[in-house]
Amino acid sequence: MSQANFAYATPANDAAGLPLALSIFADRGHVRELLREDAEAAGFRVAEVGEVAALLEGAVRPLGAVVLLDCPMVDGARLAALSRLDLRAAHCGAQLIVSTTVAALDDVFACLDQSGPQILVEPSRAERVIALGRVLAKFPNLRLRELSEEDRLVLLRLTEQVCQIAQRLEHLEGPGRDQAAVSESGFRFESPTTPFAPGNGDGGERIARTARPPLPDPRLVRQIIRQRQLRARFFDGDFFADPAWDMLLDLTAARAEHARVSVSSLCIASGVPPTTALRWIGQMTEAGLLQRVEDETDRRRAFITLSDQVADSMARYFAELGAQAATLV
């Protein structure tokens, strides 16, 4: 993408009657300029541009409503800056968009546990622009500027993609769902209905607590995962992309193996680009399917695990499959 010509609405004004302020922190000069161009094209007012180290300076100016940060590599100072930014953003409600690399992902993810940021992994310029659009969608009363024909085509493609995702999530929720119980993320999770058993002669009924079956043999789950991955050797992987299920399988095997799974490892297991995988992880965590677990011995690390409810459901699922599980692909 040679030039960011995406035309967005001017966001809701701040107290001074100006567009929303945006802060940019990046150590690479050319990235700072690209971020500035894209932010201004989206209608933001760029209030501050600086290096990541500026976040650790004594007299720190207030953050903008949106913060763009580029952190392709980490060290002690950058990790401290990220942790401080995370706390400040959580306190003031700033929206964070953080770009990083696969090598630095685990460290960056561990530092950002309060503010609910968008984390982009080695993003293209288009992905950064889309992230800005996701932020703009959170502000009300936006009006689109007049779009060029090229911009209209881009907007149409993005709308089609969003519709496809929404339809997929609706399918995951299943028929007869209670709309009030569906979370904003689009996911909904419920425990299996607990069966009832006859009472003890008092005319009532009592809940029969059934023992949870053990988790499946991790070797079996790993075999299923390998079978699913084998398809990519013969067909376009996009035909079979199912990141939620692939991540659940990987975490089920890890739980049975008593192993911990880093966010970068889970992104690889998902079979989709890391930035896409991170969005799925965020949605599934918000919905209660996954949990973020801090490393008790190193606060700079964090892992992803199944929630107890989902672990129970996966165990029951494999118990129902029985011997047929090995034939699944």
Protein backbone atom coordinates (compact mmCIF):
# COMPACT_ATOMS: atom_id res chain seq x y z
CA MET A 1 0.00 0.00 0.00
CA SER A 2 1.81 3.08 -1.26
CA GLN A 3 -0.38 5.69 0.33
CA ALA A 4 -3.03 5.63 3.05
CA ASN A 5 -6.05 7.09 1.28
CA PHE A 6 -8.60 5.54 3.64
CA ALA A 7 -11.16 8.25 4.39
CA TYR A 8 -12.62 8.05 7.85
CA ALA A 9 -14.94 10.34 9.71
CA THR A 10 -13.47 12.97 11.95
CA PRO A 11 -13.82 11.49 15.44
CA ALA A 12 -15.77 13.00 18.27
CA ASN A 13 -14.11 16.22 19.38
CA ASP A 14 -12.21 16.70 22.58
CA ALA A 15 -12.82 19.47 25.08
CA ALA A 16 -11.01 21.99 22.86
CA GLY A 17 -13.23 21.22 19.89
CA LEU A 18 -10.40 19.42 18.07
CA PRO A 19 -10.26 15.87 16.71
CA LEU A 20 -9.23 13.21 19.19
CA ALA A 21 -5.57 13.35 20.14
CA LEU A 22 -3.25 10.49 19.24
CA SER A 23 0.22 9.68 20.56
CA ILE A 24 2.89 7.83 18.58
CA PHE A 25 5.89 6.05 20.09
CA ALA A 26 8.36 4.24 17.84
CA ASP A 27 12.14 3.96 17.74
CA ARG A 28 12.27 3.55 13.96
CA GLY A 29 12.00 6.93 12.26
CA HIS A 30 10.36 5.70 9.05
CA VAL A 31 7.71 3.86 11.08
CA ARG A 32 6.93 7.03 13.05
CA GLU A 33 6.30 8.88 9.79
CA LEU A 34 4.04 6.14 8.41
CA LEU A 35 2.05 6.05 11.64
CA ARG A 36 1.66 9.82 11.54
CA GLU A 37 0.42 9.77 7.94
CA ASP A 38 -2.11 7.01 8.62
CA ALA A 39 -3.37 8.64 11.82
CA GLU A 40 -3.85 12.02 10.14
CA ALA A 41 -5.60 10.34 7.18
CA ALA A 42 -8.00 8.78 9.68
CA GLY A 43 -8.86 12.21 11.09
CA PHE A 44 -6.88 12.11 14.35
CA ARG A 45 -4.86 14.99 15.72
CA VAL A 46 -1.30 13.78 16.31
CA ALA A 47 -0.40 15.34 19.65
CA GLU A 48 2.92 13.62 20.35
CA VAL A 49 5.53 11.68 18.44
CA GLY A 50 8.55 10.19 20.17
CA GLU A 51 10.69 7.17 20.92
CA VAL A 52 9.57 4.41 23.26
CA ALA A 53 11.98 5.67 25.93
CA ALA A 54 9.89 8.85 26.20
CA LEU A 55 7.34 6.83 28.14
CA LEU A 56 9.83 6.58 31.02
CA GLU A 57 10.67 10.27 31.22
CA GLY A 58 9.86 12.06 34.45
CA ALA A 59 7.53 14.76 33.16
CA VAL A 60 5.25 12.74 30.91
CA ARG A 61 2.57 14.56 28.98
CA PRO A 62 -0.97 13.15 29.06
CA LEU A 63 -1.63 10.28 26.66
CA GLY A 64 -3.81 10.81 23.65
CA ALA A 65 -7.14 9.04 23.33
CA VAL A 66 -5.31 6.59 21.07
CA VAL A 67 -1.70 5.42 21.34
CA LEU A 68 0.21 3.84 18.46
CA LEU A 69 3.36 2.05 19.59
CA ASP A 70 5.91 0.09 17.57
CA CYS A 71 8.08 -2.32 19.56
CA PRO A 72 9.81 -4.88 17.30
CA MET A 73 12.37 -5.85 19.95
CA VAL A 74 12.47 -5.72 23.72
CA ASP A 75 14.96 -5.12 26.49
CA GLY A 76 14.63 -4.14 30.12
CA ALA A 77 13.93 -0.47 29.40
CA ARG A 78 11.34 -1.18 26.72
CA LEU A 79 9.55 -3.72 28.90
CA ALA A 80 9.40 -1.15 31.70
CA ALA A 81 8.04 1.42 29.25
CA LEU A 82 5.37 -1.01 28.04
CA SER A 83 4.28 -1.88 31.57
CA ARG A 84 4.02 1.79 32.48
CA LEU A 85 2.07 2.56 29.32
CA ASP A 86 -0.29 -0.35 30.02
CA LEU A 87 -1.13 0.98 33.48
CA ARG A 88 -1.54 4.57 32.28
CA ALA A 89 -3.79 3.53 29.41
CA ALA A 90 -5.93 1.39 31.68
CA HIS A 91 -6.27 4.30 34.10
CA CYS A 92 -7.23 6.94 31.52
CA GLY A 93 -9.06 4.71 29.04
CA ALA A 94 -6.69 5.25 26.11
CA GLN A 95 -6.92 2.79 23.22
CA LEU A 96 -3.60 1.04 22.52
CA ILE A 97 -2.45 -0.33 19.16
CA VAL A 98 0.90 -2.07 19.62
CA SER A 99 2.89 -3.63 16.78
CA THR A 100 5.66 -6.12 17.48
CA THR A 101 7.40 -9.20 16.07
CA VAL A 102 6.98 -12.92 16.64
CA ALA A 103 10.26 -12.97 18.57
CA ALA A 104 9.11 -10.27 21.00
CA LEU A 105 5.43 -11.28 21.18
CA ASP A 106 5.52 -13.25 24.44
CA ASP A 107 7.29 -10.44 26.31
CA VAL A 108 5.02 -7.74 24.87
CA PHE A 109 1.89 -9.76 25.61
CA ALA A 110 2.99 -10.33 29.22
CA CYS A 111 3.46 -6.59 29.78
CA LEU A 112 0.05 -5.59 28.45
CA ASP A 113 -2.45 -7.20 30.81
CA GLN A 114 -4.51 -4.21 31.97
CA SER A 115 -5.48 -2.06 28.99
CA GLY A 116 -6.93 -4.57 26.50
CA PRO A 117 -4.73 -3.46 23.57
CA GLN A 118 -4.81 -4.46 19.94
CA ILE A 119 -1.53 -6.31 19.35
CA LEU A 120 -0.37 -6.55 15.74
CA VAL A 121 2.42 -8.94 14.76
CA GLU A 122 4.69 -7.70 11.96
CA PRO A 123 1.70 -5.87 10.47
CA SER A 124 1.38 -4.48 6.99
CA ARG A 125 0.38 -0.88 6.63
CA ALA A 126 -3.11 -1.98 5.71
CA GLU A 127 -3.42 -3.94 8.98
CA ARG A 128 -2.45 -0.84 10.96
CA VAL A 129 -5.08 1.19 9.12
CA ILE A 130 -7.70 -1.46 9.87
CA ALA A 131 -6.70 -1.33 13.56
CA LEU A 132 -7.29 2.43 13.52
CA GLY A 133 -10.69 1.77 11.97
CA ARG A 134 -11.54 -0.61 14.82
CA VAL A 135 -10.72 2.16 17.27
CA LEU A 136 -12.84 4.67 15.38
CA ALA A 137 -15.77 2.26 15.53
CA LYS A 138 -15.77 2.69 19.32
CA PHE A 139 -16.52 6.40 19.06
CA PRO A 140 -20.12 7.47 18.38
CA ASN A 141 -21.44 10.13 16.02
CA LEU A 142 -18.93 9.51 13.23
CA ARG A 143 -19.73 10.60 9.71
CA LEU A 144 -17.87 9.27 6.71
CA ARG A 145 -16.13 11.75 4.49
CA GLU A 146 -16.81 11.43 0.81
CA LEU A 147 -15.01 8.30 -0.37
CA SER A 148 -13.14 7.84 -3.62
CA GLU A 149 -14.10 4.88 -5.81
CA GLU A 150 -10.98 3.03 -4.67
CA ASP A 151 -11.88 3.60 -1.03
CA ARG A 152 -15.43 2.39 -1.64
CA LEU A 153 -14.11 -0.89 -3.04
CA VAL A 154 -11.82 -1.34 -0.02
CA LEU A 155 -14.69 -0.59 2.37
CA LEU A 156 -16.91 -3.09 0.51
CA ARG A 157 -14.30 -5.83 0.83
CA LEU A 158 -13.84 -5.15 4.54
CA THR A 159 -17.61 -5.17 5.07
CA GLU A 160 -17.89 -8.55 3.34
CA GLN A 161 -15.14 -9.97 5.55
CA VAL A 162 -16.83 -8.66 8.69
CA CYS A 163 -20.13 -10.21 7.61
CA GLN A 164 -18.45 -13.57 7.05
CA ILE A 165 -16.91 -13.48 10.51
CA ALA A 166 -20.23 -12.50 12.09
CA GLN A 167 -22.02 -15.37 10.35
CA ARG A 168 -19.39 -17.80 11.54
CA LEU A 169 -19.67 -16.64 15.12
CA GLU A 170 -23.45 -16.85 14.94
CA HIS A 171 -23.10 -20.47 13.81
CA LEU A 172 -20.81 -21.19 16.77
CA GLU A 173 -23.48 -19.92 19.15
CA GLY A 174 -25.88 -22.58 17.90
CA PRO A 175 -29.67 -22.59 17.53
CA GLY A 176 -32.04 -21.42 20.22
CA ARG A 177 -29.49 -19.21 21.92
CA ASP A 178 -30.54 -16.64 24.48
CA GLN A 179 -29.70 -13.29 22.92
CA ALA A 180 -29.31 -11.65 26.31
CA ALA A 181 -26.59 -14.11 27.22
CA VAL A 182 -24.51 -13.56 24.08
CA SER A 183 -21.45 -11.50 24.90
CA GLU A 184 -20.33 -8.56 22.81
CA SER A 185 -17.45 -10.67 21.54
CA GLY A 186 -19.87 -12.88 19.60
CA PHE A 187 -19.06 -16.02 21.59
CA ARG A 188 -21.27 -17.70 24.12
CA PHE A 189 -20.33 -20.60 26.32
CA GLU A 190 -22.48 -22.74 28.57
CA SER A 191 -21.75 -25.83 30.58
CA PRO A 192 -23.54 -29.00 29.49
CA THR A 193 -26.93 -29.37 31.12
CA THR A 194 -26.58 -31.30 34.35
CA PRO A 195 -28.90 -34.32 34.39
CA PHE A 196 -31.50 -34.84 37.11
CA ALA A 197 -32.05 -38.05 39.04
CA PRO A 198 -35.04 -39.25 41.06
CA GLY A 199 -35.23 -38.00 44.63
CA ASN A 200 -35.00 -39.97 47.85
CA GLY A 201 -38.72 -40.51 48.22
CA ASP A 202 -39.47 -36.92 49.24
CA GLY A 203 -41.21 -36.21 45.95
CA GLY A 204 -38.43 -33.90 44.79
CA GLU A 205 -35.50 -34.23 42.49
CA ARG A 206 -31.83 -33.82 43.16
CA ILE A 207 -28.98 -33.00 40.84
CA ALA A 208 -26.93 -36.04 39.97
CA ARG A 209 -23.33 -34.88 39.94
CA THR A 210 -21.64 -36.90 37.26
CA ALA A 211 -17.91 -37.32 37.46
CA ARG A 212 -15.98 -35.56 34.73
CA PRO A 213 -14.27 -38.04 32.41
CA PRO A 214 -10.50 -37.76 32.20
CA LEU A 215 -8.90 -35.63 29.54
CA PRO A 216 -8.12 -37.56 26.35
CA ASP A 217 -4.74 -39.13 25.74
CA PRO A 218 -2.59 -36.21 24.51
CA ARG A 219 -1.03 -38.49 21.90
CA LEU A 220 -4.47 -38.92 20.36
CA VAL A 221 -5.10 -35.18 20.33
CA ARG A 222 -1.68 -34.52 18.78
CA GLN A 223 -2.49 -37.11 16.11
CA ILE A 224 -5.72 -35.29 15.28
CA ILE A 225 -3.83 -32.01 15.09
CA ARG A 226 -1.27 -33.53 12.70
CA GLN A 227 -4.06 -34.92 10.53
CA ARG A 228 -5.69 -31.48 10.36
CA GLN A 229 -2.37 -29.83 9.47
CA LEU A 230 -1.68 -32.41 6.77
CA ARG A 231 -4.44 -30.94 4.62
CA ALA A 232 -2.37 -27.79 4.08
CA ARG A 233 0.12 -29.85 2.03
CA PHE A 234 -2.52 -30.51 -0.60
CA PHE A 235 -5.06 -27.67 -0.30
CA ASP A 236 -5.06 -23.97 0.43
CA GLY A 237 -5.08 -23.68 4.22
CA ASP A 238 -7.70 -20.91 4.09
CA PHE A 239 -10.27 -23.52 3.03
CA PHE A 240 -10.02 -25.20 6.43
CA ALA A 241 -9.06 -22.33 8.74
CA ASP A 242 -10.68 -22.94 12.12
CA PRO A 243 -8.45 -21.14 14.63
CA ALA A 244 -10.77 -21.49 17.61
CA TRP A 245 -10.96 -25.29 17.33
CA ASP A 246 -7.26 -25.70 16.54
CA MET A 247 -6.36 -23.68 19.64
CA LEU A 248 -8.76 -25.66 21.82
CA LEU A 249 -7.19 -28.91 20.60
CA ASP A 250 -3.66 -27.66 21.28
CA LEU A 251 -4.58 -26.44 24.77
CA THR A 252 -6.38 -29.70 25.55
CA ALA A 253 -3.28 -31.72 24.68
CA ALA A 254 -1.08 -29.35 26.70
CA ARG A 255 -3.36 -29.60 29.73
CA ALA A 256 -3.23 -33.40 29.59
CA GLU A 257 0.57 -33.18 29.29
CA HIS A 258 0.76 -30.72 32.21
CA ALA A 259 2.52 -28.31 29.85
CA ARG A 260 2.16 -24.53 29.64
CA VAL A 261 1.42 -22.77 26.35
CA SER A 262 2.81 -19.34 25.49
CA VAL A 263 0.81 -16.93 23.39
CA SER A 264 3.28 -17.20 20.50
CA SER A 265 3.03 -21.00 20.54
CA LEU A 266 -0.78 -20.80 20.56
CA CYS A 267 -0.68 -18.39 17.60
CA ILE A 268 1.31 -20.99 15.66
CA ALA A 269 -1.16 -23.72 16.65
CA SER A 270 -4.08 -21.64 15.36
CA GLY A 271 -2.94 -21.95 11.76
CA VAL A 272 -3.73 -18.31 10.97
CA PRO A 273 -1.53 -15.18 10.95
CA PRO A 274 -0.44 -14.10 14.46
CA THR A 275 -2.43 -10.85 14.43
CA THR A 276 -5.59 -12.78 13.52
CA ALA A 277 -4.83 -15.40 16.16
CA LEU A 278 -4.42 -12.70 18.82
CA ARG A 279 -7.87 -11.33 18.01
CA TRP A 280 -9.33 -14.84 18.43
CA ILE A 281 -7.46 -15.30 21.71
CA GLY A 282 -8.82 -11.98 22.97
CA GLN A 283 -12.38 -12.84 21.98
CA MET A 284 -12.21 -16.34 23.48
CA THR A 285 -10.68 -15.04 26.70
CA GLU A 286 -13.40 -12.42 27.01
CA ALA A 287 -16.02 -15.12 26.46
CA GLY A 288 -14.56 -17.31 29.20
CA LEU A 289 -13.22 -20.09 26.99
CA LEU A 290 -9.57 -19.29 27.66
CA GLN A 291 -7.71 -17.84 30.63
CA ARG A 292 -4.56 -15.79 30.89
CA VAL A 293 -2.24 -17.17 33.59
CA GLU A 294 0.74 -15.19 34.88
CA ASP A 295 4.01 -17.00 35.46
CA GLU A 296 4.44 -17.10 39.25
CA THR A 297 8.22 -17.17 38.97
CA ASP A 298 8.59 -14.52 36.26
CA ARG A 299 6.04 -11.72 36.01
CA ARG A 300 7.36 -10.88 32.56
CA ARG A 301 5.78 -14.05 31.18
CA ALA A 302 2.18 -15.14 30.74
CA PHE A 303 0.52 -18.28 29.43
CA ILE A 304 -2.86 -19.24 27.97
CA THR A 305 -4.91 -22.14 29.28
CA LEU A 306 -8.40 -23.59 28.97
CA SER A 307 -10.97 -22.47 31.50
CA ASP A 308 -12.17 -25.27 33.77
CA GLN A 309 -15.57 -25.30 32.06
CA VAL A 310 -14.05 -25.72 28.62
CA ALA A 311 -11.64 -28.40 29.85
CA ASP A 312 -14.68 -30.26 31.18
CA SER A 313 -16.47 -29.89 27.84
CA MET A 314 -13.46 -31.10 25.87
CA ALA A 315 -13.14 -34.14 28.15
CA ARG A 316 -16.82 -34.99 27.66
CA TYR A 317 -16.56 -34.39 23.93
CA PHE A 318 -13.73 -36.91 23.53
CA ALA A 319 -15.48 -39.35 25.86
CA GLU A 320 -18.53 -39.25 23.56
CA LEU A 321 -16.35 -39.84 20.51
CA GLY A 322 -14.66 -42.82 22.09
CA ALA A 323 -12.64 -44.95 19.71
CA GLN A 324 -13.82 -42.94 16.70
CA ALA A 325 -11.76 -39.92 17.79
CA ALA A 326 -8.61 -41.16 16.04
CA THR A 327 -10.37 -41.03 12.66
CA LEU A 328 -11.20 -37.32 12.89
CA VAL A 329 -9.45 -34.85 10.66
